[in-house]
Protein backbone atom coordinates (compact mmCIF):
# COMPACT_ATOMS: atom_id res chain seq x y z
CA MET A 1 126.01 67.57 115.13
CA PRO A 2 128.94 65.73 116.80
CA GLY A 3 132.35 67.18 116.09
CA MET A 4 131.02 70.19 114.13
CA SER A 5 133.08 73.36 114.38
CA ARG A 6 131.58 76.82 114.75
CA ASP A 7 132.68 77.72 111.21
CA GLU A 8 130.87 74.67 109.80
CA CYS A 9 127.74 75.36 111.87
CA CYS A 10 127.58 79.04 110.91
CA ARG A 11 128.40 78.62 107.23
CA SER A 12 124.76 79.07 106.15
CA GLY A 13 124.78 82.71 107.27
CA ARG A 14 121.19 82.47 108.52
CA LEU A 15 120.08 84.56 111.46
CA GLY A 16 118.95 82.64 114.53
CA THR A 17 121.64 79.97 114.13
CA SER A 18 123.87 79.44 117.16
CA TRP A 19 126.73 77.10 118.02
CA THR A 20 127.71 75.33 121.25
CA GLU A 21 130.64 73.10 122.01
CA GLU A 22 128.30 70.79 123.96
CA ASP A 23 128.07 67.43 122.19
CA VAL A 24 124.69 65.91 123.14
CA PRO A 25 122.12 63.56 121.57
CA ASN A 26 119.08 65.00 119.78
CA SER A 27 116.77 64.00 122.66
CA THR A 28 118.71 66.22 125.08
CA LEU A 29 118.81 69.08 122.59
CA PHE A 30 115.06 68.76 122.15
CA ARG A 31 114.49 69.07 125.93
CA TRP A 32 116.75 72.11 126.06
CA MET A 33 114.78 73.76 123.25
CA ILE A 34 111.41 73.07 124.92
CA PHE A 35 112.21 73.83 128.56
CA ASN A 36 115.21 76.19 128.39
CA GLY A 37 114.67 77.96 125.09
CA GLY A 38 117.90 76.52 123.70
CA ALA A 39 121.19 74.86 124.59
CA PRO A 40 123.33 76.41 127.36
CA ASN A 41 126.42 78.45 126.48
CA CYS A 42 125.22 79.04 122.91
CA ILE A 43 127.25 81.45 120.79
CA PRO A 44 125.22 83.27 118.10
CA CYS A 45 126.65 82.83 114.62
CA LYS A 46 125.77 86.40 113.76
CA GLU A 47 126.22 89.24 116.25
CA THR A 48 126.17 92.05 113.70
CA CYS A 49 124.48 92.63 110.33
CA ASP A 50 127.74 92.12 108.45
CA ASN A 51 127.28 89.70 105.51
CA VAL A 52 123.73 88.76 106.60
CA ASP A 53 121.53 87.83 103.64
CA CYS A 54 117.87 88.28 104.60
CA GLY A 55 116.54 87.51 101.13
CA PRO A 56 114.48 89.69 98.73
CA GLY A 57 112.36 92.44 100.27
CA LYS A 58 114.11 92.28 103.66
CA ARG A 59 117.16 93.81 105.31
CA CYS A 60 119.15 93.20 108.47
CA LYS A 61 118.66 95.61 111.37
CA MET A 62 119.99 95.62 114.93
CA ASN A 63 117.15 95.46 117.46
CA ARG A 64 116.93 97.14 120.88
CA ARG A 65 118.88 94.28 122.47
CA SER A 66 121.67 94.78 119.94
CA LYS A 67 120.78 91.58 118.11
CA PRO A 68 120.64 91.36 114.30
CA ARG A 69 117.15 90.79 112.91
CA CYS A 70 115.70 90.60 109.39
CA VAL A 71 112.92 93.14 108.87
CA CYS A 72 110.64 93.88 105.93
CA ALA A 73 112.10 96.53 103.65
CA PRO A 74 110.75 96.12 100.09
CA ASP A 75 112.46 97.97 97.27
CA CYS A 76 109.98 100.72 96.38
CA SER A 77 112.36 102.77 94.22
CA ASN A 78 110.77 101.69 90.93
CA ILE A 79 107.15 102.35 91.96
CA THR A 80 105.81 105.20 89.85
CA TRP A 81 102.27 105.44 91.29
CA LYS A 82 102.52 107.21 94.64
CA GLY A 83 98.83 107.19 95.57
CA PRO A 84 96.66 104.62 97.39
CA VAL A 85 96.10 101.14 95.95
CA CYS A 86 93.44 98.48 96.44
CA GLY A 87 94.79 95.11 97.56
CA SER A 88 93.54 91.67 96.62
CA ASP A 89 92.32 91.35 100.24
CA GLY A 90 89.80 94.15 99.59
CA LYS A 91 91.69 96.66 101.77
CA THR A 92 93.02 100.07 100.77
CA TYR A 93 96.73 100.73 101.36
CA LYS A 94 98.21 104.22 101.45
CA ASP A 95 100.58 103.22 98.64
CA GLU A 96 102.05 100.16 96.93
CA CYS A 97 105.05 100.19 99.27
CA ALA A 98 102.75 99.78 102.30
CA LEU A 99 101.07 96.85 100.54
CA LEU A 100 104.45 95.21 99.85
CA LYS A 101 105.33 95.51 103.54
CA ALA A 102 102.05 93.81 104.50
CA LYS A 103 102.79 91.10 101.92
CA CYS A 104 106.21 90.55 103.48
CA LYS A 105 104.81 90.40 107.02
CA GLY A 106 102.62 87.37 106.44
CA GLN A 107 100.38 87.78 103.40
CA PRO A 108 102.39 86.18 100.57
CA ASP A 109 99.38 86.08 98.21
CA LEU A 110 98.63 89.79 98.60
CA ASP A 111 98.81 91.76 95.34
CA VAL A 112 97.68 95.09 93.92
CA GLN A 113 94.21 94.86 92.38
CA TYR A 114 94.11 98.36 90.97
CA GLN A 115 95.29 101.90 91.63
CA GLY A 116 93.21 104.08 93.92
CA LYS A 117 91.07 103.28 96.96
CA CYS A 118 88.99 100.08 97.01
CA LYS A 119 85.57 100.80 95.52
CA LYS A 120 82.04 99.44 95.76
CA THR A 121 81.48 99.88 92.04
CA CYS A 122 83.48 99.31 88.86
CA ARG A 123 83.08 102.95 87.90
CA ASP A 124 86.52 104.58 87.51
CA VAL A 125 88.32 101.27 88.20
CA LEU A 126 91.11 100.75 85.67
CA CYS A 127 92.19 97.10 85.73
CA PRO A 128 95.70 96.20 84.59
CA GLY A 129 96.35 94.17 81.45
CA SER A 130 93.44 92.12 80.12
CA SER A 131 91.69 91.75 83.49
CA THR A 132 88.09 92.89 83.96
CA CYS A 133 86.41 94.64 86.88
CA VAL A 134 83.77 92.60 88.74
CA VAL A 135 81.67 93.55 91.77
CA ASP A 136 81.39 90.60 94.15
CA GLN A 137 78.57 89.61 96.51
CA THR A 138 79.94 91.87 99.25
CA ASN A 139 79.78 94.85 96.88
CA ASN A 140 83.54 95.16 96.49
CA ALA A 141 85.18 95.74 93.11
CA TYR A 142 87.89 93.30 92.00
CA CYS A 143 89.98 92.86 88.86
CA VAL A 144 89.80 89.32 87.47
CA THR A 145 90.89 87.55 84.29
CA CYS A 146 88.08 85.90 82.34
CA ASN A 147 88.64 82.26 81.39
CA ARG A 148 87.85 81.81 77.71
CA ILE A 149 87.54 78.04 77.91
CA CYS A 150 86.28 75.88 80.77
CA PRO A 151 87.10 72.17 81.02
CA GLU A 152 84.45 69.70 79.93
CA VAL A 153 82.00 68.70 82.67
CA THR A 154 82.54 65.10 83.74
CA SER A 155 80.09 64.80 86.65
CA PRO A 156 76.53 66.04 87.35
CA GLU A 157 77.80 67.01 90.81
CA GLN A 158 79.59 69.96 89.19
CA TYR A 159 76.33 71.70 88.27
CA LEU A 160 75.52 74.90 90.16
CA CYS A 161 72.37 76.97 90.38
CA GLY A 162 73.23 80.64 90.13
CA ASN A 163 71.53 83.44 92.07
CA ASP A 164 70.15 84.53 88.69
CA GLY A 165 68.20 81.26 88.38
CA ILE A 166 70.44 79.96 85.58
CA ILE A 167 72.09 76.52 85.64
CA TYR A 168 75.88 76.56 85.25
CA ALA A 169 77.80 73.45 84.22
CA SER A 170 80.59 74.11 86.75
CA ALA A 171 82.17 76.71 89.00
CA CYS A 172 84.41 77.68 86.08
CA HIS A 173 81.41 78.40 83.85
CA LEU A 174 79.83 80.53 86.58
CA ARG A 175 83.08 82.50 87.13
CA ARG A 176 83.37 83.07 83.39
CA ALA A 177 79.78 84.35 83.19
CA THR A 178 80.41 86.58 86.21
CA CYS A 179 83.53 87.99 84.60
CA LEU A 180 81.83 88.73 81.30
CA LEU A 181 78.81 90.27 83.07
CA GLY A 182 80.99 92.49 85.26
CA ARG A 183 79.15 91.87 88.53
CA SER A 184 78.66 89.01 90.94
CA ILE A 185 76.19 86.25 90.16
CA GLY A 186 76.93 83.96 93.08
CA VAL A 187 75.82 80.41 93.89
CA ALA A 188 72.27 79.87 95.13
CA TYR A 189 72.88 76.18 95.79
CA GLU A 190 74.69 73.14 94.44
CA GLY A 191 73.07 71.15 91.65
CA LYS A 192 70.65 72.16 88.91
CA CYS A 193 68.07 74.88 89.58
CA ILE A 194 64.67 73.52 90.57
CA LYS A 195 61.18 75.07 90.61
CA ALA A 196 60.97 75.42 94.37
CA LYS A 197 57.80 76.63 96.10
CA SER A 198 59.64 77.38 99.34
CA CYS A 199 62.92 76.73 101.13
CA GLU A 200 61.58 73.33 102.15
CA ASP A 201 62.22 72.16 98.57
CA ILE A 202 65.89 73.21 98.61
CA GLN A 203 68.63 71.18 100.25
CA CYS A 204 71.61 73.28 101.34
CA SER A 205 75.11 71.96 101.97
CA ALA A 206 76.41 71.66 105.55
CA GLY A 207 76.70 74.95 107.41
CA LYS A 208 74.28 76.84 105.15
CA LYS A 209 70.62 77.83 105.51
CA CYS A 210 68.08 78.55 102.81
CA LEU A 211 66.83 82.15 102.65
CA TRP A 212 63.73 82.83 100.56
CA ASP A 213 63.77 85.61 97.97
CA ALA A 214 60.11 86.68 97.90
CA ARG A 215 60.62 89.10 95.01
CA MET A 216 62.08 86.45 92.67
CA SER A 217 60.25 83.47 94.26
CA ARG A 218 63.39 81.38 94.70
CA GLY A 219 65.70 80.29 97.49
CA ARG A 220 69.36 80.89 98.17
CA CYS A 221 71.68 78.97 100.50
CA SER A 222 73.68 81.27 102.75
CA LEU A 223 76.18 81.00 105.59
CA CYS A 224 74.53 81.96 108.87
CA ASP A 225 77.27 81.59 111.47
CA GLU A 226 78.87 85.03 111.11
CA THR A 227 79.67 86.92 114.32
CA CYS A 228 79.30 90.67 113.97
CA PRO A 229 81.86 93.03 115.52
CA GLU A 230 80.68 96.18 117.24
CA SER A 231 79.44 98.44 114.45
CA LYS A 232 80.03 102.15 113.94
CA THR A 233 77.39 104.72 113.02
CA GLU A 234 78.73 105.14 109.49
CA GLU A 235 78.33 101.38 108.83
CA ALA A 236 74.51 101.49 108.95
CA VAL A 237 72.66 100.16 105.88
CA CYS A 238 69.13 100.36 104.54
CA ALA A 239 67.95 96.87 103.57
CA SER A 240 65.46 95.64 100.97
CA ASP A 241 62.80 95.34 103.71
CA ASN A 242 63.13 99.12 104.27
CA THR A 243 64.65 98.55 107.71
CA THR A 244 67.85 100.24 108.91
CA TYR A 245 70.45 97.85 110.33
CA PRO A 246 73.62 98.83 112.27
CA SER A 247 75.77 97.10 109.64
CA GLU A 248 75.62 94.75 106.67
CA CYS A 249 76.62 91.94 109.00
CA ALA A 250 73.67 92.71 111.32
CA MET A 251 71.37 92.68 108.27
CA LYS A 252 72.64 89.21 107.32
CA GLN A 253 72.03 87.97 110.86
CA ALA A 254 68.47 89.27 110.73
CA ALA A 255 67.95 87.58 107.36
CA CYS A 256 69.14 84.26 108.78
CA SER A 257 66.88 84.64 111.79
CA LEU A 258 63.85 85.43 109.60
CA GLY A 259 64.71 82.93 106.87
CA VAL A 260 64.30 85.59 104.18
CA LEU A 261 66.79 87.13 101.77
CA LEU A 262 67.74 90.71 102.59
CA GLU A 263 69.99 92.87 100.41
CA VAL A 264 71.47 96.34 100.84
CA LYS A 265 69.46 99.07 99.10
CA HIS A 266 71.93 101.80 100.06
CA SER A 267 74.36 102.83 102.79
CA GLY A 268 73.05 104.81 105.75
CA SER A 269 69.61 105.05 107.30
CA CYS A 270 66.46 104.30 105.30
CA ASN A 271 65.27 107.79 106.33
CA CYS A 272 68.19 109.37 104.45
CA LYS A 273 67.99 109.03 100.67
């Protein structure tokens, strides 16, 4: 800004702010930022960590080039549980402090689901407060709060057909039923459930394909564009067709290719019970 002193420019105390005595229009400054990485002869406002406020959960630290930088440093002094915790992203963290660091580094919505490692069952999962443990469609246990009241349905487009063959008035009603049941129900397809004879009778939304559940004689719309990473030996699963697949992802790919619903019977090879 024209005529601004260094004291005025640096008053905010934010790291990364620099001052130059060059007085140029914004267009020139923009070109400097794009092509030169900044204005020439810039003087950093902060050259040490003195009086630098990085905000909650962070602290100032001098880097290898002797420049002050804000780094994640959550206050873990009041954490009483020292063991592993399961995060809301379905990943296990060695402790709550490690989770808070991950939250600071770019996952602002990350929270602790429950104490202990992430589980595939609600057994031994102690959810905080009034939340309830639910196993989702990927066989991961989560703590959720059950909605007691769902808003009134205003459009027939809100209806959903659950994987259990039951019609739900809205996504809220299905989530509430899932919560009370304690395990995933999932959406088979949008709209009311119909008496389908095959997948030809079911219209899936864009990006999904109907997979036929021969055991229950009903279809389910599933995403079929998943790319599987290279699987490890311990990721093998035995599917409902009694075939061993390298991973759950590989099983889903096979299901999409065959047009039939496949589910995990148990982890490991079908030859190992």
